[in-house]
Protein backbone atom coordinates (compact mmCIF):
# COMPACT_ATOMS: atom_id res chain seq x y z
CA MET A 1 4.95 38.32 -4.05
CA ARG A 2 1.83 36.56 -2.49
CA ALA A 3 -0.72 39.65 -3.70
CA VAL A 4 0.76 39.24 -7.17
CA LEU A 5 0.21 35.38 -7.37
CA LEU A 6 -3.68 36.02 -6.13
CA PHE A 7 -4.21 38.87 -8.95
CA PHE A 8 -3.06 36.20 -11.55
CA TYR A 9 -5.40 33.62 -9.99
CA HIS A 10 -8.00 35.58 -9.81
CA LEU A 11 -7.60 37.32 -13.77
CA GLN A 12 -7.39 33.83 -14.90
CA GLY A 13 -10.73 33.08 -14.04
CA TRP A 14 -10.15 29.94 -11.78
CA LYS A 15 -13.42 28.29 -10.17
CA LEU A 16 -12.70 26.59 -6.79
CA GLU A 17 -14.74 23.90 -5.96
CA GLY A 18 -15.02 21.48 -2.72
CA GLY A 19 -13.18 22.69 0.56
CA GLY A 20 -10.27 22.06 2.26
CA PRO A 21 -8.72 19.11 4.09
CA GLN A 22 -9.87 18.15 7.81
CA SER A 23 -6.38 16.46 8.76
CA ARG A 24 -4.10 19.03 9.50
CA ARG A 25 -1.57 16.64 8.22
CA CYS A 26 -1.44 15.36 5.24
CA ILE A 27 -0.03 15.40 1.78
CA ILE A 28 -1.90 17.15 -1.02
CA ILE A 29 -1.09 15.49 -4.34
CA GLY A 30 -1.45 18.06 -7.41
CA ALA A 31 -2.13 16.53 -11.16
CA PRO A 32 -2.56 16.56 -13.66
CA HIS A 33 0.86 18.96 -14.08
CA THR A 34 1.61 20.43 -17.13
CA THR A 35 3.22 24.31 -16.77
CA ASN A 36 4.76 26.02 -14.31
CA TRP A 37 1.42 28.06 -14.02
CA ASP A 38 -0.32 25.42 -12.11
CA PHE A 39 1.57 26.98 -9.20
CA ILE A 40 -0.98 30.44 -9.61
CA PHE A 41 -3.45 27.57 -8.90
CA PHE A 42 -1.62 26.30 -5.75
CA ALA A 43 -1.25 29.64 -4.29
CA GLY A 44 -4.94 31.09 -4.79
CA ALA A 45 -6.45 27.78 -3.93
CA THR A 46 -4.72 27.43 -0.62
CA HIS A 47 -5.47 31.09 -0.40
CA GLU A 48 -9.07 30.87 -0.98
CA LEU A 49 -9.35 27.80 1.56
CA GLY A 50 -7.63 29.47 4.59
CA LEU A 51 -4.72 26.89 4.22
CA HIS A 52 -1.51 27.55 4.81
CA ALA A 53 0.27 24.21 2.65
CA GLY A 54 3.64 23.75 2.36
CA PHE A 55 5.98 22.71 -0.69
CA MET A 56 9.53 20.69 -0.81
CA GLY A 57 12.80 23.27 -1.66
CA LYS A 58 16.24 22.45 -2.23
CA ASP A 59 17.78 23.79 0.97
CA THR A 60 19.62 27.02 -1.11
CA LEU A 61 16.70 28.58 -1.94
CA PHE A 62 15.94 29.29 1.46
CA ARG A 63 19.04 31.65 1.97
CA TRP A 64 19.05 35.43 0.91
CA PRO A 65 17.62 36.87 -1.00
CA MET A 66 14.78 33.87 -1.50
CA GLY A 67 14.58 32.64 1.92
CA ARG A 68 12.10 34.85 3.59
CA PHE A 69 9.76 34.56 0.27
CA MET A 70 10.09 30.44 0.30
CA ARG A 71 9.21 30.25 4.20
CA GLU A 72 6.09 32.25 3.85
CA MET A 73 4.91 30.85 0.72
CA GLY A 74 5.18 27.25 2.94
CA GLY A 75 8.33 26.10 1.41
CA VAL A 76 10.07 23.17 3.54
CA PRO A 77 13.55 22.50 2.39
CA VAL A 78 15.64 19.77 1.44
CA VAL A 79 18.85 19.01 2.52
CA ARG A 80 20.88 17.64 -0.66
CA SER A 81 24.30 16.93 1.36
CA SER A 82 22.18 15.15 4.38
CA ARG A 83 22.77 11.31 4.72
CA GLN A 84 18.69 10.75 4.79
CA ASN A 85 16.89 11.20 1.37
CA TYR A 86 13.99 13.55 0.77
CA VAL A 87 11.26 11.13 1.66
CA GLU A 88 13.13 10.29 5.18
CA GLN A 89 13.87 14.37 5.87
CA MET A 90 9.83 14.58 4.91
CA ILE A 91 8.54 11.82 7.27
CA GLU A 92 11.15 13.51 9.80
CA ALA A 93 9.19 16.75 9.39
CA PHE A 94 5.60 15.60 9.63
CA ARG A 95 7.09 13.66 13.07
CA THR A 96 8.38 17.24 14.49
CA ARG A 97 5.19 19.17 13.58
CA ASP A 98 1.38 19.50 14.61
CA GLU A 99 0.46 20.80 11.25
CA LEU A 100 1.95 20.31 7.85
CA MET A 101 0.02 19.98 4.38
CA LEU A 102 2.44 19.19 2.05
CA VAL A 103 1.55 19.64 -1.49
CA ILE A 104 3.59 17.70 -3.99
CA ALA A 105 3.35 16.82 -8.08
CA PRO A 106 3.70 13.13 -8.51
CA GLU A 107 4.44 13.41 -11.91
CA GLY A 108 8.04 15.15 -11.22
CA THR A 109 7.70 17.11 -14.58
CA ARG A 110 5.83 19.53 -16.24
CA LYS A 111 6.26 16.99 -19.81
CA GLN A 112 4.00 13.94 -20.08
CA ALA A 113 5.48 11.51 -17.11
CA ARG A 114 5.67 7.45 -18.11
CA ARG A 115 5.05 6.99 -14.76
CA TRP A 116 4.29 8.96 -11.26
CA LYS A 117 7.34 9.13 -8.87
CA SER A 118 6.63 7.41 -5.97
CA GLY A 119 7.97 9.38 -3.33
CA PHE A 120 5.03 11.08 -1.94
CA TYR A 121 3.39 7.82 -1.62
CA HIS A 122 6.31 6.49 0.50
CA ILE A 123 6.30 9.51 2.37
CA ALA A 124 2.40 9.44 3.24
CA VAL A 125 3.01 5.58 4.79
CA GLY A 126 6.19 6.14 6.63
CA ALA A 127 4.56 9.48 8.00
CA GLY A 128 0.67 7.62 8.66
CA VAL A 129 -0.08 10.65 7.39
CA PRO A 130 -3.41 10.59 4.50
CA ILE A 131 -3.07 11.75 0.83
CA VAL A 132 -5.34 14.21 -0.30
CA LEU A 133 -6.39 14.52 -4.06
CA GLY A 134 -5.94 17.48 -5.89
CA TRP A 135 -6.81 18.43 -9.45
CA LEU A 136 -7.34 21.17 -12.09
CA ASP A 137 -8.75 21.44 -15.49
CA TYR A 138 -7.12 24.28 -17.73
CA ASN A 139 -10.14 23.53 -20.22
CA THR A 140 -12.65 24.75 -18.06
CA ARG A 141 -10.50 26.57 -15.48
CA ARG A 142 -11.85 24.79 -12.94
CA GLY A 143 -9.89 22.87 -9.80
CA GLY A 144 -10.35 21.31 -6.34
CA LEU A 145 -9.75 19.07 -3.72
CA GLY A 146 -11.11 15.57 -3.47
CA PRO A 147 -11.06 13.12 -1.01
CA GLU A 148 -8.77 12.14 2.01
CA MET A 149 -7.05 8.60 1.25
CA MET A 150 -5.07 6.68 3.61
CA MET A 151 -2.27 4.39 1.80
CA THR A 152 -2.77 0.68 2.45
CA GLY A 153 0.86 -0.17 1.77
CA ASP A 154 -0.07 -2.10 -1.29
CA TYR A 155 1.07 0.46 -3.86
CA PRO A 156 -0.76 -0.88 -7.12
CA ALA A 157 -4.68 -1.23 -5.36
CA ASP A 158 -3.71 2.47 -3.97
CA MET A 159 -2.92 3.82 -7.02
CA ALA A 160 -5.76 2.22 -8.83
CA ARG A 161 -8.00 3.89 -6.34
CA ILE A 162 -6.28 7.40 -6.67
CA ARG A 163 -6.58 6.90 -10.60
CA ALA A 164 -10.34 6.30 -10.24
CA PHE A 165 -10.80 9.63 -8.66
CA TYR A 166 -9.05 11.37 -11.45
CA GLU A 167 -10.82 9.33 -14.18
CA GLU A 168 -13.80 10.52 -12.90
CA ARG A 169 -12.78 14.42 -12.66
CA LEU A 170 -10.86 14.25 -16.20
CA PRO A 171 -12.04 11.29 -18.05
CA GLY A 172 -10.05 10.20 -21.00
CA HIS A 173 -6.88 12.41 -19.69
CA PRO A 174 -3.86 11.49 -21.63
CA GLN A 175 -1.65 11.88 -18.56
CA LEU A 176 -3.63 9.18 -16.25
CA ALA A 177 -2.48 6.03 -17.79
CA ALA A 178 0.78 7.21 -15.66
CA ILE A 179 -0.42 6.94 -12.30
CA THR A 180 -1.18 3.18 -12.47
CA ALA A 181 2.09 2.50 -14.98
CA GLY A 182 3.79 1.19 -11.59
CA ASP A 183 6.46 2.32 -9.19
CA GLU A 184 9.91 3.87 -10.30
CA SER A 185 11.61 1.94 -8.67
CA ASP A 186 10.40 -0.98 -11.23
CA ASP A 187 13.61 0.58 -12.94
CA ARG A 188 16.40 0.01 -10.04
CA ASP A 189 18.25 -2.78 -9.70
CA PRO A 190 17.39 -4.92 -6.68
CA ALA A 191 20.45 -3.88 -4.35
CA HIS A 192 19.28 -0.32 -4.51
CA GLN A 193 15.76 -1.24 -4.14
CA ARG A 194 16.86 -3.32 -1.08
CA ARG A 195 18.04 -0.07 0.53
CA ALA A 196 15.75 2.22 -0.26
CA ASP A 197 12.98 -0.18 1.10
CA ARG A 198 15.36 -0.24 4.85
CA ARG A 199 15.44 3.63 4.76
CA ALA A 200 11.74 3.86 4.16
CA HIS A 201 11.14 1.07 6.82
CA ALA A 202 13.08 3.14 9.07
CA GLY A 203 11.30 6.12 9.01
CA ALA A 204 8.15 4.66 9.36
CA VAL A 205 9.19 3.37 12.50
CA ARG A 206 10.42 6.52 13.91
CA ALA A 207 7.49 8.00 13.11
CA GLY A 208 5.28 5.51 14.53
CA GLY A 209 7.48 5.92 17.91
CA ALA A 210 6.63 9.42 18.40
CA ASP A 211 2.82 8.66 18.68
């Protein structure tokens, strides 16, 4: 299956710019996410850079007959029935692994998103790992990985830094406004947000205690 994905990657004529991250534990975000074909670029780029990147998938996909393929491709299962949400589960995954490069599409949808989902950010802060800025441009068939950024905990300021990078790479792209449109938690009720904040803090404490 990997050979098929690589075939389509080369057939589409993608040109990779830049190298891979220095950190062996990081979150690689890919934007803008507009089509399922983005996975072809992900597979080809990580192969070309010699990276064994991971991605999240619901735990039921890791059963037969897809289980072997999902693990070979770097899948990390998310257990929907767990008391931990997916952010907490990924923080725990970073805590227990010496190497994990987790690829996340922060828009969470192929359609134009109103705002980015902030799960990737809370995982990075809770696990104490950098975010690597991945990008792709279908107009020029170019893509690559940008700098590693450590998040400060100041969500608006950090997202402004991230948007500045994408504006330089993809000036005027209509989906970039979603980067600084706020945390989706702005739409939650206060009690729900307090519970989410407590869970994220607990995950950060556990991750920090493991260092």
